[in-house]
Amino acid sequence: MSLFTYFIIYLCMVNILAFGMMGFDKNRARRQKQRIPEKQLWGVALLGGALGGSLGMRRFRHKTKHSAFKFGFPLLMIVEAILVGYLVLELYQP
């Protein structure tokens, strides 16, 4: 497999993880159980999972009242999209 393929697989996995973490944390919040620390949610988003985190935030209606998440995740998603676009252009060699 090429580096491009590994990169796409990585992005898919980290975004699925971020989406799942938002759902899991919302479920834990409803049941008043131990939560995922916000640092971990941000960490996964910073590693490329801002799209999955943003989608999870909307789907599960989780962290939507926190300005840092409400505006930070979408902003980070835009930055990551620009970086991914650049890397795809650099890595993709047909």
C-alpha atoms as a PDB file:
ATOM      1  CA  MET A   1       0.000   0.000   0.000  1.00  0.00           C
ATOM      2  CA  SER A   2       1.090   3.545  -0.650  1.00  0.00           C
ATOM      3  CA  LEU A   3       1.650   6.277   1.893  1.00  0.00           C
ATOM      4  CA  PHE A   4      -1.462   7.987   0.511  1.00  0.00           C
ATOM      5  CA  THR A   5      -3.593   4.927   1.303  1.00  0.00           C
ATOM      6  CA  TYR A   6      -2.258   4.737   4.871  1.00  0.00           C
ATOM      7  CA  PHE A   7      -2.955   8.448   5.307  1.00  0.00           C
ATOM      8  CA  ILE A   8      -6.594   8.071   4.194  1.00  0.00           C
ATOM      9  CA  ILE A   9      -7.073   5.029   6.449  1.00  0.00           C
ATOM     10  CA  TYR A  10      -5.602   6.976   9.384  1.00  0.00           C
ATOM     11  CA  LEU A  11      -7.950   9.910   8.803  1.00  0.00           C
ATOM     12  CA  CYS A  12     -10.973   7.624   8.604  1.00  0.00           C
ATOM     13  CA  MET A  13     -10.027   5.822  11.813  1.00  0.00           C
ATOM     14  CA  VAL A  14      -9.288   8.959  13.865  1.00  0.00           C
ATOM     15  CA  ASN A  15     -12.569  10.554  12.762  1.00  0.00           C
ATOM     16  CA  ILE A  16     -14.567   7.432  13.592  1.00  0.00           C
ATOM     17  CA  LEU A  17     -12.854   7.422  16.993  1.00  0.00           C
ATOM     18  CA  ALA A  18     -13.697  11.101  17.610  1.00  0.00           C
ATOM     19  CA  PHE A  19     -17.329  10.560  16.589  1.00  0.00           C
ATOM     20  CA  GLY A  20     -17.597   7.547  18.890  1.00  0.00           C
ATOM     21  CA  MET A  21     -15.979   9.362  21.791  1.00  0.00           C
ATOM     22  CA  MET A  22     -18.592  12.124  21.589  1.00  0.00           C
ATOM     23  CA  GLY A  23     -21.408   9.568  21.671  1.00  0.00           C
ATOM     24  CA  PHE A  24     -19.801   7.599  24.484  1.00  0.00           C
ATOM     25  CA  ASP A  25     -19.197  10.725  26.558  1.00  0.00           C
ATOM     26  CA  LYS A  26     -22.797  11.898  26.028  1.00  0.00           C
ATOM     27  CA  ASN A  27     -24.052   8.500  27.181  1.00  0.00           C
ATOM     28  CA  ARG A  28     -21.827   8.676  30.257  1.00  0.00           C
ATOM     29  CA  ALA A  29     -23.061  12.200  30.988  1.00  0.00           C
ATOM     30  CA  ARG A  30     -26.697  11.091  30.877  1.00  0.00           C
ATOM     31  CA  ARG A  31     -25.994   8.267  33.316  1.00  0.00           C
ATOM     32  CA  GLN A  32     -23.854  10.501  35.554  1.00  0.00           C
ATOM     33  CA  LYS A  33     -20.818   8.240  35.175  1.00  0.00           C
ATOM     34  CA  GLN A  34     -17.135   9.100  34.828  1.00  0.00           C
ATOM     35  CA  ARG A  35     -16.634  11.192  31.694  1.00  0.00           C
ATOM     36  CA  ILE A  36     -13.972  11.457  29.031  1.00  0.00           C
ATOM     37  CA  PRO A  37     -11.747  14.425  29.897  1.00  0.00           C
ATOM     38  CA  GLU A  38     -12.099  17.380  27.534  1.00  0.00           C
ATOM     39  CA  LYS A  39      -8.333  17.258  26.949  1.00  0.00           C
ATOM     40  CA  GLN A  40      -8.752  13.815  25.380  1.00  0.00           C
ATOM     41  CA  LEU A  41     -11.590  14.995  23.134  1.00  0.00           C
ATOM     42  CA  TRP A  42      -9.438  17.897  21.987  1.00  0.00           C
ATOM     43  CA  GLY A  43      -6.415  15.638  21.593  1.00  0.00           C
ATOM     44  CA  VAL A  44      -8.197  13.332  19.166  1.00  0.00           C
ATOM     45  CA  ALA A  45      -9.569  16.356  17.299  1.00  0.00           C
ATOM     46  CA  LEU A  46      -6.062  17.815  17.003  1.00  0.00           C
ATOM     47  CA  LEU A  47      -4.763  14.511  15.637  1.00  0.00           C
ATOM     48  CA  GLY A  48      -7.088  14.862  12.652  1.00  0.00           C
ATOM     49  CA  GLY A  49     -10.470  13.995  14.143  1.00  0.00           C
ATOM     50  CA  ALA A  50     -12.120  17.428  14.114  1.00  0.00           C
ATOM     51  CA  LEU A  51     -14.617  16.387  11.420  1.00  0.00           C
ATOM     52  CA  GLY A  52     -15.709  13.304  13.362  1.00  0.00           C
ATOM     53  CA  GLY A  53     -15.821  15.287  16.588  1.00  0.00           C
ATOM     54  CA  SER A  54     -17.940  18.012  14.992  1.00  0.00           C
ATOM     55  CA  LEU A  55     -20.335  15.494  13.472  1.00  0.00           C
ATOM     56  CA  GLY A  56     -20.563  13.645  16.792  1.00  0.00           C
ATOM     57  CA  MET A  57     -21.167  16.880  18.639  1.00  0.00           C
ATOM     58  CA  ARG A  58     -24.129  17.653  16.379  1.00  0.00           C
ATOM     59  CA  ARG A  59     -25.465  14.099  16.173  1.00  0.00           C
ATOM     60  CA  PHE A  60     -25.440  13.511  19.929  1.00  0.00           C
ATOM     61  CA  ARG A  61     -26.093  17.156  20.887  1.00  0.00           C
ATOM     62  CA  HIS A  62     -23.042  17.028  23.096  1.00  0.00           C
ATOM     63  CA  LYS A  63     -20.840  19.949  24.161  1.00  0.00           C
ATOM     64  CA  THR A  64     -22.946  22.289  21.997  1.00  0.00           C
ATOM     65  CA  LYS A  65     -23.260  24.864  24.783  1.00  0.00           C
ATOM     66  CA  HIS A  66     -19.493  25.086  25.275  1.00  0.00           C
ATOM     67  CA  SER A  67     -18.150  27.881  23.060  1.00  0.00           C
ATOM     68  CA  ALA A  68     -14.730  26.259  22.847  1.00  0.00           C
ATOM     69  CA  PHE A  69     -16.275  23.167  21.273  1.00  0.00           C
ATOM     70  CA  LYS A  70     -19.080  24.902  19.381  1.00  0.00           C
ATOM     71  CA  PHE A  71     -16.673  27.183  17.516  1.00  0.00           C
ATOM     72  CA  GLY A  72     -13.320  25.482  18.068  1.00  0.00           C
ATOM     73  CA  PHE A  73     -14.097  22.116  16.496  1.00  0.00           C
ATOM     74  CA  PRO A  74     -15.494  23.584  13.244  1.00  0.00           C
ATOM     75  CA  LEU A  75     -12.584  26.027  13.020  1.00  0.00           C
ATOM     76  CA  LEU A  76     -10.113  23.217  13.611  1.00  0.00           C
ATOM     77  CA  MET A  77     -11.962  21.169  10.991  1.00  0.00           C
ATOM     78  CA  ILE A  78     -11.372  23.919   8.402  1.00  0.00           C
ATOM     79  CA  VAL A  79      -7.671  24.126   9.271  1.00  0.00           C
ATOM     80  CA  GLU A  80      -7.365  20.339   9.063  1.00  0.00           C
ATOM     81  CA  ALA A  81      -9.210  20.277   5.718  1.00  0.00           C
ATOM     82  CA  ILE A  82      -6.702  22.750   4.282  1.00  0.00           C
ATOM     83  CA  LEU A  83      -3.775  20.703   5.624  1.00  0.00           C
ATOM     84  CA  VAL A  84      -5.272  17.441   4.368  1.00  0.00           C
ATOM     85  CA  GLY A  85      -5.857  18.974   0.951  1.00  0.00           C
ATOM     86  CA  TYR A  86      -2.246  20.072   0.804  1.00  0.00           C
ATOM     87  CA  LEU A  87      -0.947  16.681   1.968  1.00  0.00           C
ATOM     88  CA  VAL A  88      -3.158  14.811  -0.479  1.00  0.00           C
ATOM     89  CA  LEU A  89      -1.777  16.891  -3.328  1.00  0.00           C
ATOM     90  CA  GLU A  90       1.750  16.160  -2.117  1.00  0.00           C
ATOM     91  CA  LEU A  91       1.285  12.445  -1.375  1.00  0.00           C
ATOM     92  CA  TYR A  92      -0.975  11.403  -4.237  1.00  0.00           C
ATOM     93  CA  GLN A  93       1.187  10.353  -7.131  1.00  0.00           C
ATOM     94  CA  PRO A  94      -0.856   8.279  -9.633  1.00  0.00           C
END
